[in-house]
Amino acid sequence: DGYSRVRLPEVFAYRPAPVQVNWLAYPGTSGADY
């Protein structure tokens, strides 16, 4: 999803997985160090 209008990616800020990937729906950078 990324920064879609329906959800912010707070889940990823918790770092629930060792490797985290941005793909497909949001056409740009997350700007996030996580």
All heavy atoms as atom14 arrays in JSON, in Angstrom:
{
  "sequence": "DGYSRVRLPEVFAYRPAPVQVNWLAYPGTSGADY",
  "atom14_mask": [
    [1, 1, 1, 1, 1, 1, 1, 1, 0, 0, 0, 0, 0, 0],
    [1, 1, 1, 1, 0, 0, 0, 0, 0, 0, 0, 0, 0, 0],
    [1, 1, 1, 1, 1, 1, 1, 1, 1, 1, 1, 1, 0, 0],
    [1, 1, 1, 1, 1, 1, 0, 0, 0, 0, 0, 0, 0, 0],
    [1, 1, 1, 1, 1, 1, 1, 1, 1, 1, 1, 0, 0, 0],
    [1, 1, 1, 1, 1, 1, 1, 0, 0, 0, 0, 0, 0, 0],
    [1, 1, 1, 1, 1, 1, 1, 1, 1, 1, 1, 0, 0, 0],
    [1, 1, 1, 1, 1, 1, 1, 1, 0, 0, 0, 0, 0, 0],
    [1, 1, 1, 1, 1, 1, 1, 0, 0, 0, 0, 0, 0, 0],
    [1, 1, 1, 1, 1, 1, 1, 1, 1, 0, 0, 0, 0, 0],
    [1, 1, 1, 1, 1, 1, 1, 0, 0, 0, 0, 0, 0, 0],
    [1, 1, 1, 1, 1, 1, 1, 1, 1, 1, 1, 0, 0, 0],
    [1, 1, 1, 1, 1, 0, 0, 0, 0, 0, 0, 0, 0, 0],
    [1, 1, 1, 1, 1, 1, 1, 1, 1, 1, 1, 1, 0, 0],
    [1, 1, 1, 1, 1, 1, 1, 1, 1, 1, 1, 0, 0, 0],
    [1, 1, 1, 1, 1, 1, 1, 0, 0, 0, 0, 0, 0, 0],
    [1, 1, 1, 1, 1, 0, 0, 0, 0, 0, 0, 0, 0, 0],
    [1, 1, 1, 1, 1, 1, 1, 0, 0, 0, 0, 0, 0, 0],
    [1, 1, 1, 1, 1, 1, 1, 0, 0, 0, 0, 0, 0, 0],
    [1, 1, 1, 1, 1, 1, 1, 1, 1, 0, 0, 0, 0, 0],
    [1, 1, 1, 1, 1, 1, 1, 0, 0, 0, 0, 0, 0, 0],
    [1, 1, 1, 1, 1, 1, 1, 1, 0, 0, 0, 0, 0, 0],
    [1, 1, 1, 1, 1, 1, 1, 1, 1, 1, 1, 1, 1, 1],
    [1, 1, 1, 1, 1, 1, 1, 1, 0, 0, 0, 0, 0, 0],
    [1, 1, 1, 1, 1, 0, 0, 0, 0, 0, 0, 0, 0, 0],
    [1, 1, 1, 1, 1, 1, 1, 1, 1, 1, 1, 1, 0, 0],
    [1, 1, 1, 1, 1, 1, 1, 0, 0, 0, 0, 0, 0, 0],
    [1, 1, 1, 1, 0, 0, 0, 0, 0, 0, 0, 0, 0, 0],
    [1, 1, 1, 1, 1, 1, 1, 0, 0, 0, 0, 0, 0, 0],
    [1, 1, 1, 1, 1, 1, 0, 0, 0, 0, 0, 0, 0, 0],
    [1, 1, 1, 1, 0, 0, 0, 0, 0, 0, 0, 0, 0, 0],
    [1, 1, 1, 1, 1, 0, 0, 0, 0, 0, 0, 0, 0, 0],
    [1, 1, 1, 1, 1, 1, 1, 1, 0, 0, 0, 0, 0, 0],
    [1, 1, 1, 1, 1, 1, 1, 1, 1, 1, 1, 1, 0, 0]
  ],
  "atom14_positions": [
    [[0.81, -1.22, 0.0], [0.0, 0.0, 0.0], [0.84, 1.27, 0.0], [0.55, 2.21, -0.73], [-0.93, 0.04, 1.22], [-2.03, -0.99, 1.15], [-2.21, -1.6, 0.09], [-2.7, -1.19, 2.17], [0.0, 0.0, 0.0], [0.0, 0.0, 0.0], [0.0, 0.0, 0.0], [0.0, 0.0, 0.0], [0.0, 0.0, 0.0], [0.0, 0.0, 0.0]],
    [[1.86, 1.32, 0.87], [2.63, 2.55, 1.0], [1.74, 3.68, 1.48], [0.83, 3.48, 2.28], [0.0, 0.0, 0.0], [0.0, 0.0, 0.0], [0.0, 0.0, 0.0], [0.0, 0.0, 0.0], [0.0, 0.0, 0.0], [0.0, 0.0, 0.0], [0.0, 0.0, 0.0], [0.0, 0.0, 0.0], [0.0, 0.0, 0.0], [0.0, 0.0, 0.0]],
    [[1.98, 4.87, 0.96], [1.21, 6.04, 1.38], [-0.06, 6.19, 0.55], [-0.3, 7.22, -0.08], [2.06, 7.3, 1.26], [3.27, 7.32, 2.16], [4.55, 7.41, 1.64], [3.13, 7.24, 3.54], [5.66, 7.44, 2.46], [4.23, 7.26, 4.37], [5.5, 7.35, 3.83], [6.59, 7.36, 4.65], [0.0, 0.0, 0.0], [0.0, 0.0, 0.0]],
    [[-0.87, 5.16, 0.52], [-2.14, 5.26, -0.19], [-3.08, 6.11, 0.65], [-2.8, 6.42, 1.81], [-2.74, 3.88, -0.42], [-3.08, 3.28, 0.81], [0.0, 0.0, 0.0], [0.0, 0.0, 0.0], [0.0, 0.0, 0.0], [0.0, 0.0, 0.0], [0.0, 0.0, 0.0], [0.0, 0.0, 0.0], [0.0, 0.0, 0.0], [0.0, 0.0, 0.0]],
    [[-4.22, 6.47, 0.08], [-5.16, 7.33, 0.81], [-5.98, 6.54, 1.83], [-6.77, 7.14, 2.56], [-6.09, 8.03, -0.17], [-5.39, 9.0, -1.08], [-6.38, 9.81, -1.89], [-7.25, 10.61, -1.05], [-6.9, 11.77, -0.5], [-5.69, 12.26, -0.69], [-7.75, 12.46, 0.25], [0.0, 0.0, 0.0], [0.0, 0.0, 0.0], [0.0, 0.0, 0.0]],
    [[-5.82, 5.24, 1.88], [-6.64, 4.44, 2.8], [-5.87, 3.97, 4.01], [-6.47, 3.55, 5.0], [-7.24, 3.22, 2.07], [-8.24, 3.66, 1.03], [-6.14, 2.39, 1.41], [0.0, 0.0, 0.0], [0.0, 0.0, 0.0], [0.0, 0.0, 0.0], [0.0, 0.0, 0.0], [0.0, 0.0, 0.0], [0.0, 0.0, 0.0], [0.0, 0.0, 0.0]],
    [[-4.56, 4.02, 3.97], [-3.8, 3.49, 5.1], [-2.41, 4.1, 5.11], [-1.77, 4.26, 4.09], [-3.67, 1.96, 5.0], [-2.99, 1.33, 6.2], [-2.9, -0.19, 6.03], [-1.93, -0.57, 5.02], [-0.62, -0.66, 5.24], [-0.12, -0.39, 6.42], [0.2, -1.02, 4.26], [0.0, 0.0, 0.0], [0.0, 0.0, 0.0], [0.0, 0.0, 0.0]],
    [[-1.94, 4.45, 6.31], [-0.55, 4.84, 6.48], [0.23, 3.61, 6.95], [-0.3, 2.77, 7.69], [-0.43, 5.95, 7.52], [-0.9, 7.34, 7.07], [-0.79, 8.32, 8.23], [-0.08, 7.85, 5.9], [0.0, 0.0, 0.0], [0.0, 0.0, 0.0], [0.0, 0.0, 0.0], [0.0, 0.0, 0.0], [0.0, 0.0, 0.0], [0.0, 0.0, 0.0]],
    [[1.48, 3.51, 6.55], [2.23, 2.28, 6.85], [2.84, 2.27, 8.25], [4.02, 2.01, 8.44], [3.31, 2.28, 5.76], [3.54, 3.73, 5.47], [2.21, 4.4, 5.64], [0.0, 0.0, 0.0], [0.0, 0.0, 0.0], [0.0, 0.0, 0.0], [0.0, 0.0, 0.0], [0.0, 0.0, 0.0], [0.0, 0.0, 0.0], [0.0, 0.0, 0.0]],
    [[2.02, 2.56, 9.28], [2.55, 2.54, 10.64], [3.09, 1.17, 11.03], [4.03, 1.07, 11.83], [1.46, 2.95, 11.65], [0.94, 4.36, 11.5], [-0.34, 4.41, 10.71], [-0.55, 3.53, 9.85], [-1.13, 5.33, 10.92], [0.0, 0.0, 0.0], [0.0, 0.0, 0.0], [0.0, 0.0, 0.0], [0.0, 0.0, 0.0], [0.0, 0.0, 0.0]],
    [[2.46, 0.12, 10.5], [2.88, -1.24, 10.84], [4.38, -1.4, 10.64], [5.08, -1.98, 11.49], [2.12, -2.27, 9.98], [2.76, -3.65, 10.09], [0.67, -2.35, 10.4], [0.0, 0.0, 0.0], [0.0, 0.0, 0.0], [0.0, 0.0, 0.0], [0.0, 0.0, 0.0], [0.0, 0.0, 0.0], [0.0, 0.0, 0.0], [0.0, 0.0, 0.0]],
    [[4.9, -0.86, 9.57], [6.31, -1.05, 9.23], [7.23, -0.26, 10.13], [8.39, -0.63, 10.32], [6.53, -0.71, 7.76], [5.92, -1.72, 6.83], [4.55, -1.69, 6.55], [6.68, -2.72, 6.27], [3.97, -2.64, 5.73], [6.11, -3.68, 5.44], [4.75, -3.64, 5.18], [0.0, 0.0, 0.0], [0.0, 0.0, 0.0], [0.0, 0.0, 0.0]],
    [[6.73, 0.83, 10.71], [7.55, 1.62, 11.63], [7.87, 0.84, 12.91], [8.83, 1.16, 13.61], [6.86, 2.93, 11.97], [0.0, 0.0, 0.0], [0.0, 0.0, 0.0], [0.0, 0.0, 0.0], [0.0, 0.0, 0.0], [0.0, 0.0, 0.0], [0.0, 0.0, 0.0], [0.0, 0.0, 0.0], [0.0, 0.0, 0.0], [0.0, 0.0, 0.0]],
    [[7.07, -0.17, 13.23], [7.35, -1.02, 14.39], [8.48, -2.02, 14.12], [8.94, -2.69, 15.04], [6.09, -1.79, 14.79], [5.03, -0.94, 15.46], [3.91, -0.53, 14.77], [5.17, -0.56, 16.79], [2.94, 0.25, 15.38], [4.2, 0.22, 17.42], [3.09, 0.62, 16.71], [2.14, 1.38, 17.32], [0.0, 0.0, 0.0], [0.0, 0.0, 0.0]],
    [[8.88, -2.14, 12.87], [9.93, -3.07, 12.46], [9.59, -4.51, 12.84], [10.37, -5.22, 13.5], [11.25, -2.71, 13.12], [12.3, -2.06, 12.26], [12.72, -2.91, 11.09], [13.69, -2.18, 10.25], [14.19, -2.63, 9.14], [13.84, -3.82, 8.7], [15.02, -1.92, 8.43], [0.0, 0.0, 0.0], [0.0, 0.0, 0.0], [0.0, 0.0, 0.0]],
    [[8.43, -5.02, 12.42], [8.06, -6.38, 12.81], [8.83, -7.47, 12.07], [8.73, -8.64, 12.44], [6.57, -6.45, 12.49], [6.4, -5.46, 11.39], [7.36, -4.35, 11.67], [0.0, 0.0, 0.0], [0.0, 0.0, 0.0], [0.0, 0.0, 0.0], [0.0, 0.0, 0.0], [0.0, 0.0, 0.0], [0.0, 0.0, 0.0], [0.0, 0.0, 0.0]],
    [[9.55, -7.12, 11.02], [10.3, -8.11, 10.25], [11.72, -7.62, 10.02], [11.97, -6.42, 9.93], [9.62, -8.38, 8.9], [0.0, 0.0, 0.0], [0.0, 0.0, 0.0], [0.0, 0.0, 0.0], [0.0, 0.0, 0.0], [0.0, 0.0, 0.0], [0.0, 0.0, 0.0], [0.0, 0.0, 0.0], [0.0, 0.0, 0.0], [0.0, 0.0, 0.0]],
    [[12.69, -8.53, 9.92], [14.08, -8.13, 9.71], [14.33, -7.39, 8.4], [15.2, -6.53, 8.31], [14.84, -9.46, 9.73], [13.95, -10.43, 10.41], [12.55, -10.0, 10.08], [0.0, 0.0, 0.0], [0.0, 0.0, 0.0], [0.0, 0.0, 0.0], [0.0, 0.0, 0.0], [0.0, 0.0, 0.0], [0.0, 0.0, 0.0], [0.0, 0.0, 0.0]],
    [[13.57, -7.75, 7.35], [13.73, -7.11, 6.04], [12.36, -6.57, 5.62], [11.37, -7.32, 5.63], [14.25, -8.09, 4.98], [14.37, -7.4, 3.62], [15.59, -8.67, 5.4], [0.0, 0.0, 0.0], [0.0, 0.0, 0.0], [0.0, 0.0, 0.0], [0.0, 0.0, 0.0], [0.0, 0.0, 0.0], [0.0, 0.0, 0.0], [0.0, 0.0, 0.0]],
    [[12.3, -5.29, 5.24], [11.02, -4.67, 4.89], [11.14, -4.0, 3.51], [12.1, -3.3, 3.23], [10.59, -3.69, 5.97], [10.46, -4.39, 7.33], [9.74, -3.58, 8.39], [9.12, -4.17, 9.29], [9.8, -2.27, 8.35], [0.0, 0.0, 0.0], [0.0, 0.0, 0.0], [0.0, 0.0, 0.0], [0.0, 0.0, 0.0], [0.0, 0.0, 0.0]],
    [[10.1, -4.23, 2.7], [10.19, -3.91, 1.28], [8.98, -3.08, 0.82], [7.84, -3.37, 1.19], [10.25, -5.21, 0.44], [10.38, -4.89, -1.05], [11.41, -6.09, 0.9], [0.0, 0.0, 0.0], [0.0, 0.0, 0.0], [0.0, 0.0, 0.0], [0.0, 0.0, 0.0], [0.0, 0.0, 0.0], [0.0, 0.0, 0.0], [0.0, 0.0, 0.0]],
    [[9.25, -2.08, 0.0], [8.23, -1.23, -0.62], [8.02, -1.73, -2.05], [8.97, -1.78, -2.84], [8.76, 0.22, -0.59], [7.88, 1.19, -1.37], [6.78, 0.88, -1.79], [8.39, 2.41, -1.54], [0.0, 0.0, 0.0], [0.0, 0.0, 0.0], [0.0, 0.0, 0.0], [0.0, 0.0, 0.0], [0.0, 0.0, 0.0], [0.0, 0.0, 0.0]],
    [[6.78, -2.08, -2.38], [6.52, -2.58, -3.74], [5.08, -2.36, -4.19], [4.15, -2.54, -3.4], [6.84, -4.09, -3.83], [6.55, -4.69, -5.18], [7.05, -4.29, -6.38], [5.65, -5.77, -5.46], [6.53, -5.06, -7.4], [5.67, -5.98, -6.87], [4.84, -6.59, -4.67], [4.91, -6.96, -7.49], [4.07, -7.57, -5.29], [4.11, -7.76, -6.69]],
    [[4.93, -1.95, -5.39], [3.74, -2.03, -6.22], [2.77, -0.86, -6.13], [2.67, -0.09, -7.09], [2.96, -3.34, -5.99], [1.91, -3.65, -7.06], [2.54, -3.78, -8.43], [1.14, -4.92, -6.71], [0.0, 0.0, 0.0], [0.0, 0.0, 0.0], [0.0, 0.0, 0.0], [0.0, 0.0, 0.0], [0.0, 0.0, 0.0], [0.0, 0.0, 0.0]],
    [[2.02, -0.69, -5.03], [0.9, 0.24, -5.07], [1.31, 1.7, -4.98], [0.71, 2.56, -5.63], [-0.1, -0.08, -3.97], [0.0, 0.0, 0.0], [0.0, 0.0, 0.0], [0.0, 0.0, 0.0], [0.0, 0.0, 0.0], [0.0, 0.0, 0.0], [0.0, 0.0, 0.0], [0.0, 0.0, 0.0], [0.0, 0.0, 0.0], [0.0, 0.0, 0.0]],
    [[2.34, 2.0, -4.17], [2.74, 3.4, -4.02], [3.94, 3.69, -4.91], [5.03, 3.15, -4.68], [3.07, 3.73, -2.56], [3.48, 5.17, -2.4], [2.54, 6.18, -2.51], [4.81, 5.53, -2.19], [2.9, 7.51, -2.41], [5.18, 6.85, -2.09], [4.22, 7.84, -2.2], [4.59, 9.16, -2.12], [0.0, 0.0, 0.0], [0.0, 0.0, 0.0]],
    [[3.79, 4.53, -5.93], [4.86, 4.75, -6.91], [5.85, 5.82, -6.47], [5.96, 6.88, -7.08], [4.09, 5.17, -8.15], [2.91, 5.93, -7.6], [2.55, 5.21, -6.31], [0.0, 0.0, 0.0], [0.0, 0.0, 0.0], [0.0, 0.0, 0.0], [0.0, 0.0, 0.0], [0.0, 0.0, 0.0], [0.0, 0.0, 0.0], [0.0, 0.0, 0.0]],
    [[6.58, 5.52, -5.43], [7.57, 6.47, -4.94], [8.27, 5.92, -3.72], [7.98, 4.81, -3.26], [0.0, 0.0, 0.0], [0.0, 0.0, 0.0], [0.0, 0.0, 0.0], [0.0, 0.0, 0.0], [0.0, 0.0, 0.0], [0.0, 0.0, 0.0], [0.0, 0.0, 0.0], [0.0, 0.0, 0.0], [0.0, 0.0, 0.0], [0.0, 0.0, 0.0]],
    [[9.18, 6.72, -3.18], [9.92, 6.28, -2.0], [9.08, 6.41, -0.74], [8.22, 7.29, -0.63], [11.21, 7.1, -1.84], [11.93, 6.62, -0.7], [10.93, 8.59, -1.65], [0.0, 0.0, 0.0], [0.0, 0.0, 0.0], [0.0, 0.0, 0.0], [0.0, 0.0, 0.0], [0.0, 0.0, 0.0], [0.0, 0.0, 0.0], [0.0, 0.0, 0.0]],
    [[9.34, 5.54, 0.23], [8.7, 5.67, 1.53], [9.36, 6.76, 2.36], [8.77, 7.28, 3.3], [8.79, 4.34, 2.29], [10.15, 4.06, 2.62], [0.0, 0.0, 0.0], [0.0, 0.0, 0.0], [0.0, 0.0, 0.0], [0.0, 0.0, 0.0], [0.0, 0.0, 0.0], [0.0, 0.0, 0.0], [0.0, 0.0, 0.0], [0.0, 0.0, 0.0]],
    [[10.62, 7.09, 2.03], [11.36, 8.08, 2.82], [11.69, 7.6, 4.21], [12.08, 8.39, 5.06], [0.0, 0.0, 0.0], [0.0, 0.0, 0.0], [0.0, 0.0, 0.0], [0.0, 0.0, 0.0], [0.0, 0.0, 0.0], [0.0, 0.0, 0.0], [0.0, 0.0, 0.0], [0.0, 0.0, 0.0], [0.0, 0.0, 0.0], [0.0, 0.0, 0.0]],
    [[11.57, 6.3, 4.46], [11.67, 5.76, 5.82], [12.94, 4.94, 6.01], [13.28, 4.12, 5.15], [10.44, 4.88, 6.12], [0.0, 0.0, 0.0], [0.0, 0.0, 0.0], [0.0, 0.0, 0.0], [0.0, 0.0, 0.0], [0.0, 0.0, 0.0], [0.0, 0.0, 0.0], [0.0, 0.0, 0.0], [0.0, 0.0, 0.0], [0.0, 0.0, 0.0]],
    [[13.58, 5.13, 7.14], [14.76, 4.32, 7.43], [14.4, 2.91, 7.87], [15.28, 2.07, 8.01], [15.65, 5.02, 8.47], [14.94, 5.26, 9.79], [13.79, 4.79, 9.97], [15.51, 5.95, 10.67], [0.0, 0.0, 0.0], [0.0, 0.0, 0.0], [0.0, 0.0, 0.0], [0.0, 0.0, 0.0], [0.0, 0.0, 0.0], [0.0, 0.0, 0.0]],
    [[13.12, 2.66, 8.09], [12.69, 1.31, 8.46], [12.25, 0.49, 7.24], [11.8, -0.63, 7.38], [11.55, 1.35, 9.5], [10.43, 2.32, 9.19], [9.42, 1.99, 8.3], [10.38, 3.57, 9.83], [8.4, 2.87, 8.02], [9.35, 4.46, 9.56], [8.37, 4.11, 8.66], [7.35, 4.99, 8.39], [0.0, 0.0, 0.0], [0.0, 0.0, 0.0]]
  ]
}
